[in-house]
């Protein structure tokens, strides 16, 4: 099922069909804050009122022309204007293929520099999301170029990739801000751990490495909804005397709201990933592939409709 859903996430025909179904749009609102910047800001304001931070993502990926990359860049500049005007406590997250990485690196870097400059002006931070493994080297190259110039940019490392331990050690040495996630793309077994238990074990290994080795300005952002991994990270931090505000937990909008609030109430920093925009179909399909319970939520909405 996971493989099928991930393949469907890339199907233009399936995207056209699903995005025109009324029930699918309604069900997607469980996981997507809306289609406009105003809707995203309203969702963030509600989280902030409960002591939870955010990072906003204007959905989109794999643009095909430089004009599309320019439009995506303008969308992010508008998002940053919204963050500044509303006063919400939020970062921004983006994918480099939105900004033209698949076209050429120089176009992508020029677009990203505009975004990072605006983010620096308003005093916020931008996280570069990691995409499938065919983009890993190019994504890290762009991050390193931008990190040398801008201090308000971070990166994502995916625990299911075999290469991630070596990548993370280098990023720690460079003082990078890293979000650690499991990974949500279909990867071959020669590139990524095929078994969940191995992914979980590597995730915890990398999280521990960030906590214990990444002291000099390096901050772990542990992106997981797995209660066992969260408890293990909390125990590791307590054992090494690492304060609760020295790292953060990150979760997705609409998933494990109870756990988000519990952690915030316990004094941990919690940041919720707020996706919005009209290009919600690939994101939704990856969320369904990650957790079967999300698929049942969609199916129940189909029956009710």
Protein backbone atom coordinates (compact mmCIF):
# COMPACT_ATOMS: atom_id res chain seq x y z
CA UNK A 1 0.00 0.00 0.00
CA UNK A 2 2.80 2.40 0.90
CA UNK A 3 4.54 1.80 -2.42
CA UNK A 4 1.30 2.33 -4.36
CA UNK A 5 0.50 5.57 -2.55
CA UNK A 6 4.01 6.93 -3.11
CA UNK A 7 3.77 6.11 -6.82
CA UNK A 8 0.38 7.82 -6.97
CA UNK A 9 1.88 10.91 -5.35
CA UNK A 10 3.82 11.46 -8.60
CA UNK A 11 0.97 10.68 -10.99
CA UNK A 12 -0.38 13.75 -12.79
CA UNK A 13 -3.53 11.86 -13.81
CA UNK A 14 -4.26 10.78 -10.24
CA UNK A 15 -3.57 14.31 -9.01
CA UNK A 16 -6.07 15.76 -11.49
CA UNK A 17 -8.74 13.25 -10.44
CA UNK A 18 -8.28 13.53 -6.68
CA UNK A 19 -7.95 17.31 -6.50
CA UNK A 20 -11.32 17.68 -8.24
CA UNK A 21 -13.14 15.49 -5.72
CA UNK A 22 -14.97 17.54 -3.14
CA UNK A 23 -14.63 14.97 -0.35
CA UNK A 24 -10.86 14.71 -0.93
CA UNK A 25 -10.44 18.47 -0.58
CA UNK A 26 -12.48 18.40 2.64
CA UNK A 27 -10.55 15.46 4.07
CA UNK A 28 -7.24 17.07 3.15
CA UNK A 29 -8.05 19.94 5.47
CA UNK A 30 -7.17 17.61 8.34
CA UNK A 31 -3.54 17.83 7.23
CA UNK A 32 -3.38 21.09 5.23
CA UNK A 33 -4.07 24.44 6.91
CA UNK A 34 -5.80 25.89 3.84
CA UNK A 35 -5.02 27.26 0.41
CA UNK A 36 -4.19 30.87 1.32
CA UNK A 37 -1.60 32.64 3.42
CA UNK A 38 -4.36 34.10 5.59
CA UNK A 39 -5.62 30.61 6.41
CA UNK A 40 -2.09 29.49 7.30
CA UNK A 41 -1.63 32.49 9.61
CA UNK A 42 -4.93 31.72 11.36
CA UNK A 43 -3.78 28.15 12.00
CA UNK A 44 -0.43 29.40 13.33
CA UNK A 45 -2.08 31.96 15.59
CA UNK A 46 -4.19 29.18 17.12
CA UNK A 47 -1.06 27.11 17.78
CA UNK A 48 0.86 30.06 19.21
CA UNK A 49 -2.00 30.70 21.63
CA UNK A 50 -1.40 27.19 22.99
CA UNK A 51 2.35 27.71 23.39
CA UNK A 52 3.32 25.92 20.15
CA UNK A 53 5.58 27.35 17.42
CA UNK A 54 5.25 26.77 13.66
CA UNK A 55 7.05 26.50 10.37
CA UNK A 56 5.00 27.32 7.28
CA UNK A 57 5.35 25.58 3.93
CA UNK A 58 3.78 26.94 0.75
CA UNK A 59 3.23 23.60 -0.96
CA UNK A 60 4.84 22.84 -4.28
CA UNK A 61 7.75 20.94 -5.82
CA UNK A 62 9.44 19.98 -9.08
CA UNK A 63 8.68 23.09 -11.12
CA UNK A 64 9.28 22.71 -14.85
CA UNK A 65 10.20 26.26 -15.93
CA UNK A 66 12.17 29.21 -14.58
CA UNK A 67 8.94 31.23 -14.62
CA UNK A 68 7.36 28.66 -12.28
CA UNK A 69 10.40 28.88 -9.99
CA UNK A 70 10.09 32.68 -9.96
CA UNK A 71 6.41 32.42 -9.02
CA UNK A 72 7.26 30.03 -6.19
CA UNK A 73 9.89 32.48 -4.97
CA UNK A 74 7.34 35.30 -4.97
CA UNK A 75 4.94 33.04 -3.03
CA UNK A 76 7.59 32.64 -0.34
CA UNK A 77 8.31 36.36 -0.21
CA UNK A 78 4.56 36.87 0.27
CA UNK A 79 4.58 34.24 3.04
CA UNK A 80 7.35 36.09 4.84
CA UNK A 81 5.38 39.32 4.53
CA UNK A 82 2.40 37.53 6.09
CA UNK A 83 4.54 36.27 8.98
CA UNK A 84 5.90 39.75 9.62
CA UNK A 85 2.50 41.47 9.36
CA UNK A 86 0.67 38.97 11.58
CA UNK A 87 3.40 38.76 14.21
CA UNK A 88 3.13 34.98 14.47
CA UNK A 89 5.97 32.90 15.86
CA UNK A 90 6.85 30.94 12.75
CA UNK A 91 9.70 29.89 10.51
CA UNK A 92 9.35 28.94 6.83
CA UNK A 93 10.12 25.61 5.15
CA UNK A 94 10.66 25.04 1.43
CA UNK A 95 11.75 22.52 -1.17
CA UNK A 96 14.55 23.44 -3.53
CA UNK A 97 12.83 21.87 -6.53
CA UNK A 98 10.18 24.60 -6.05
CA UNK A 99 12.91 27.15 -6.68
CA UNK A 100 14.36 25.48 -9.77
CA UNK A 101 16.94 22.99 -8.47
CA UNK A 102 16.01 20.47 -11.16
CA UNK A 103 16.58 23.17 -13.80
CA UNK A 104 19.97 24.46 -12.65
CA UNK A 105 21.64 25.17 -9.34
CA UNK A 106 22.42 28.82 -10.02
CA UNK A 107 18.76 29.69 -10.62
CA UNK A 108 17.80 27.90 -7.44
CA UNK A 109 20.46 29.65 -5.37
CA UNK A 110 19.52 33.07 -6.71
CA UNK A 111 15.88 32.49 -5.77
CA UNK A 112 16.77 31.11 -2.35
CA UNK A 113 19.06 34.06 -1.62
CA UNK A 114 16.13 36.44 -2.15
CA UNK A 115 14.05 34.46 0.33
CA UNK A 116 16.80 34.21 2.93
CA UNK A 117 17.54 37.91 2.65
CA UNK A 118 13.89 38.78 3.29
CA UNK A 119 13.70 36.27 6.15
CA UNK A 120 16.80 37.82 7.72
CA UNK A 121 15.26 41.28 7.42
CA UNK A 122 12.15 40.21 9.35
CA UNK A 123 14.09 38.12 11.85
CA UNK A 124 12.99 34.61 10.98
CA UNK A 125 14.52 31.32 9.84
CA UNK A 126 14.16 29.14 6.74
CA UNK A 127 14.47 25.36 6.67
CA UNK A 128 15.39 23.57 3.44
CA UNK A 129 13.36 20.36 3.23
CA UNK A 130 15.07 17.24 1.91
CA UNK A 131 13.49 15.50 -1.07
CA UNK A 132 14.18 12.09 -2.58
CA UNK A 133 17.74 10.77 -2.69
CA UNK A 134 18.37 11.89 -6.28
CA UNK A 135 18.47 15.46 -4.90
CA UNK A 136 20.45 14.88 -1.69
CA UNK A 137 23.89 15.93 -2.96
CA UNK A 138 22.55 18.98 -4.78
CA UNK A 139 20.42 20.01 -1.79
CA UNK A 140 23.40 19.80 0.55
CA UNK A 141 25.53 21.76 -1.93
CA UNK A 142 22.99 24.58 -2.09
CA UNK A 143 22.60 24.58 1.68
CA UNK A 144 26.36 24.89 2.18
CA UNK A 145 26.61 27.75 -0.31
CA UNK A 146 23.76 29.60 1.43
CA UNK A 147 24.89 28.75 4.96
CA UNK A 148 28.21 30.40 4.25
CA UNK A 149 26.39 33.66 3.53
CA UNK A 150 23.24 33.47 5.65
CA UNK A 151 22.98 32.35 9.24
CA UNK A 152 19.22 31.88 9.16
CA UNK A 153 19.04 28.67 7.14
CA UNK A 154 18.81 25.02 8.19
CA UNK A 155 18.62 21.62 6.55
CA UNK A 156 16.86 18.27 6.93
CA UNK A 157 18.46 14.84 7.27
CA UNK A 158 16.46 11.66 6.65
CA UNK A 159 17.21 8.75 8.97
CA UNK A 160 16.21 6.07 6.45
CA UNK A 161 19.18 6.83 4.18
CA UNK A 162 22.38 4.85 4.81
CA UNK A 163 24.46 7.94 4.07
CA UNK A 164 22.83 10.10 6.74
CA UNK A 165 25.23 9.35 9.58
CA UNK A 166 28.21 10.58 7.56
CA UNK A 167 26.24 13.59 6.32
CA UNK A 168 25.15 14.48 9.84
CA UNK A 169 28.68 14.27 11.27
CA UNK A 170 29.85 16.75 8.66
CA UNK A 171 26.89 19.06 9.27
CA UNK A 172 27.52 19.02 13.03
CA UNK A 173 31.14 20.01 12.37
CA UNK A 174 29.85 22.88 10.19
CA UNK A 175 27.47 24.13 12.89
CA UNK A 176 24.33 23.42 10.87
CA UNK A 177 20.81 23.51 12.28
CA UNK A 178 19.33 20.11 11.41
CA UNK A 179 15.80 18.77 11.41
CA UNK A 180 15.95 14.99 11.74
CA UNK A 181 13.09 13.06 10.15
CA UNK A 182 12.58 9.45 9.10
CA UNK A 183 11.99 10.09 5.37
CA UNK A 184 8.84 9.96 3.28
CA UNK A 185 9.91 8.97 -0.24
CA UNK A 186 10.12 5.59 -1.95
CA UNK A 187 13.79 4.63 -2.01
CA UNK A 188 15.54 1.45 -3.25
CA UNK A 189 17.00 -0.94 -0.64
CA UNK A 190 20.55 -0.14 -1.72
CA UNK A 191 19.96 3.51 -0.70
CA UNK A 192 17.70 3.33 2.35
CA UNK A 193 16.86 0.95 5.19
CA UNK A 194 13.85 -1.07 3.98
CA UNK A 195 12.67 -2.12 7.47
CA UNK A 196 10.97 0.26 9.86
CA UNK A 197 12.80 -1.05 12.91
CA UNK A 198 16.14 -0.28 11.28
CA UNK A 199 14.97 3.22 10.35
CA UNK A 200 13.83 3.78 13.95
CA UNK A 201 17.15 2.53 15.34
CA UNK A 202 19.11 4.82 13.02
CA UNK A 203 16.85 7.75 13.88
CA UNK A 204 17.57 7.35 17.58
CA UNK A 205 21.30 6.93 16.91
CA UNK A 206 21.40 10.17 14.92
CA UNK A 207 19.28 12.05 17.47
CA UNK A 208 21.66 11.00 20.25
CA UNK A 209 24.60 12.12 18.15
CA UNK A 210 23.02 15.55 17.69
CA UNK A 211 22.27 15.90 21.40
CA UNK A 212 25.67 14.80 22.67
CA UNK A 213 28.02 16.05 19.94
CA UNK A 214 26.19 19.06 18.58
CA UNK A 215 26.71 21.49 21.43
CA UNK A 216 28.32 24.53 19.80
CA UNK A 217 25.24 26.26 18.44
CA UNK A 218 23.94 23.07 16.81
CA UNK A 219 20.29 22.53 17.66
CA UNK A 220 18.39 19.28 17.15
CA UNK A 221 14.90 19.52 15.69
CA UNK A 222 13.49 16.03 16.20
CA UNK A 223 10.66 15.56 13.71
CA UNK A 224 8.68 12.49 14.76
CA UNK A 225 5.28 11.43 16.06
CA UNK A 226 6.68 8.16 17.44
CA UNK A 227 6.06 8.22 21.19
CA UNK A 228 8.83 5.69 21.87
CA UNK A 229 11.43 7.76 20.05
CA UNK A 230 10.24 10.93 21.78
CA UNK A 231 10.56 9.32 25.21
CA UNK A 232 14.04 8.03 24.34
CA UNK A 233 15.16 11.52 23.24
CA UNK A 234 13.75 13.05 26.41
CA UNK A 235 15.62 10.47 28.52
CA UNK A 236 18.88 11.04 26.61
CA UNK A 237 18.64 14.81 27.09
CA UNK A 238 17.92 14.44 30.81
CA UNK A 239 20.82 12.01 31.26
CA UNK A 240 23.28 14.49 29.73
CA UNK A 241 21.84 17.52 31.50
CA UNK A 242 20.60 19.09 28.27
CA UNK A 243 17.86 21.66 29.03
CA UNK A 244 14.45 21.34 27.45
CA UNK A 245 14.87 24.56 25.49
CA UNK A 246 18.13 23.40 23.87
CA UNK A 247 16.30 21.25 21.29
CA UNK A 248 12.81 20.96 19.91
CA UNK A 249 10.24 18.44 18.76
CA UNK A 250 8.58 18.99 15.39
CA UNK A 251 5.32 17.46 14.20
CA UNK A 252 2.94 17.76 11.29
CA UNK A 253 -0.26 19.78 11.26
CA UNK A 254 -3.25 17.62 12.10
CA UNK A 255 -1.28 14.64 13.43
CA UNK A 256 -0.94 13.75 17.13
CA UNK A 257 -2.38 17.04 18.36
CA UNK A 258 -2.66 15.51 21.83
CA UNK A 259 1.04 14.71 21.94
CA UNK A 260 1.97 18.15 20.61
CA UNK A 261 0.11 19.79 23.48
CA UNK A 262 1.41 17.35 26.08
CA UNK A 263 5.02 18.10 25.17
CA UNK A 264 4.39 21.85 25.16
CA UNK A 265 2.73 21.59 28.57
CA UNK A 266 5.79 19.70 29.85
CA UNK A 267 7.99 22.65 28.87
CA UNK A 268 9.51 21.31 25.65
CA UNK A 269 9.72 23.47 22.55
CA UNK A 270 7.23 22.14 19.99
CA UNK A 271 7.04 23.35 16.40
CA UNK A 272 4.28 22.28 13.99
CA UNK A 273 4.79 22.09 10.23
CA UNK A 274 1.99 24.11 8.57
CA UNK A 275 1.48 23.21 4.89
CA UNK A 276 -0.84 25.35 2.79
CA UNK A 277 -1.56 26.15 -0.84
CA UNK A 278 -3.28 24.61 -3.84
CA UNK A 279 -0.53 22.04 -4.57
CA UNK A 280 -1.54 19.78 -1.67
CA UNK A 281 -1.96 16.47 -3.49
CA UNK A 282 1.66 15.07 -3.35
CA UNK A 283 1.99 16.10 0.29
CA UNK A 284 -1.30 14.43 1.21
CA UNK A 285 -0.38 11.18 -0.55
CA UNK A 286 2.93 10.98 1.32
CA UNK A 287 1.10 11.47 4.63
CA UNK A 288 -1.26 8.61 3.73
CA UNK A 289 1.68 6.39 2.81
CA UNK A 290 3.41 7.10 6.12
CA UNK A 291 0.51 6.13 8.36
CA UNK A 292 -2.43 3.87 7.40
CA UNK A 293 -4.63 5.54 10.04
CA UNK A 294 -4.56 8.65 7.88
CA UNK A 295 -5.98 6.67 4.98
CA UNK A 296 -8.86 5.42 7.12
CA UNK A 297 -9.62 9.03 8.00
CA UNK A 298 -10.00 9.83 4.29
CA UNK A 299 -12.15 6.76 3.66
CA UNK A 300 -14.48 7.63 6.55
CA UNK A 301 -14.95 11.05 5.01
CA UNK A 302 -15.80 9.39 1.70
CA UNK A 303 -18.52 7.30 3.34
CA UNK A 304 -19.96 10.33 5.13
CA UNK A 305 -20.05 12.34 1.93
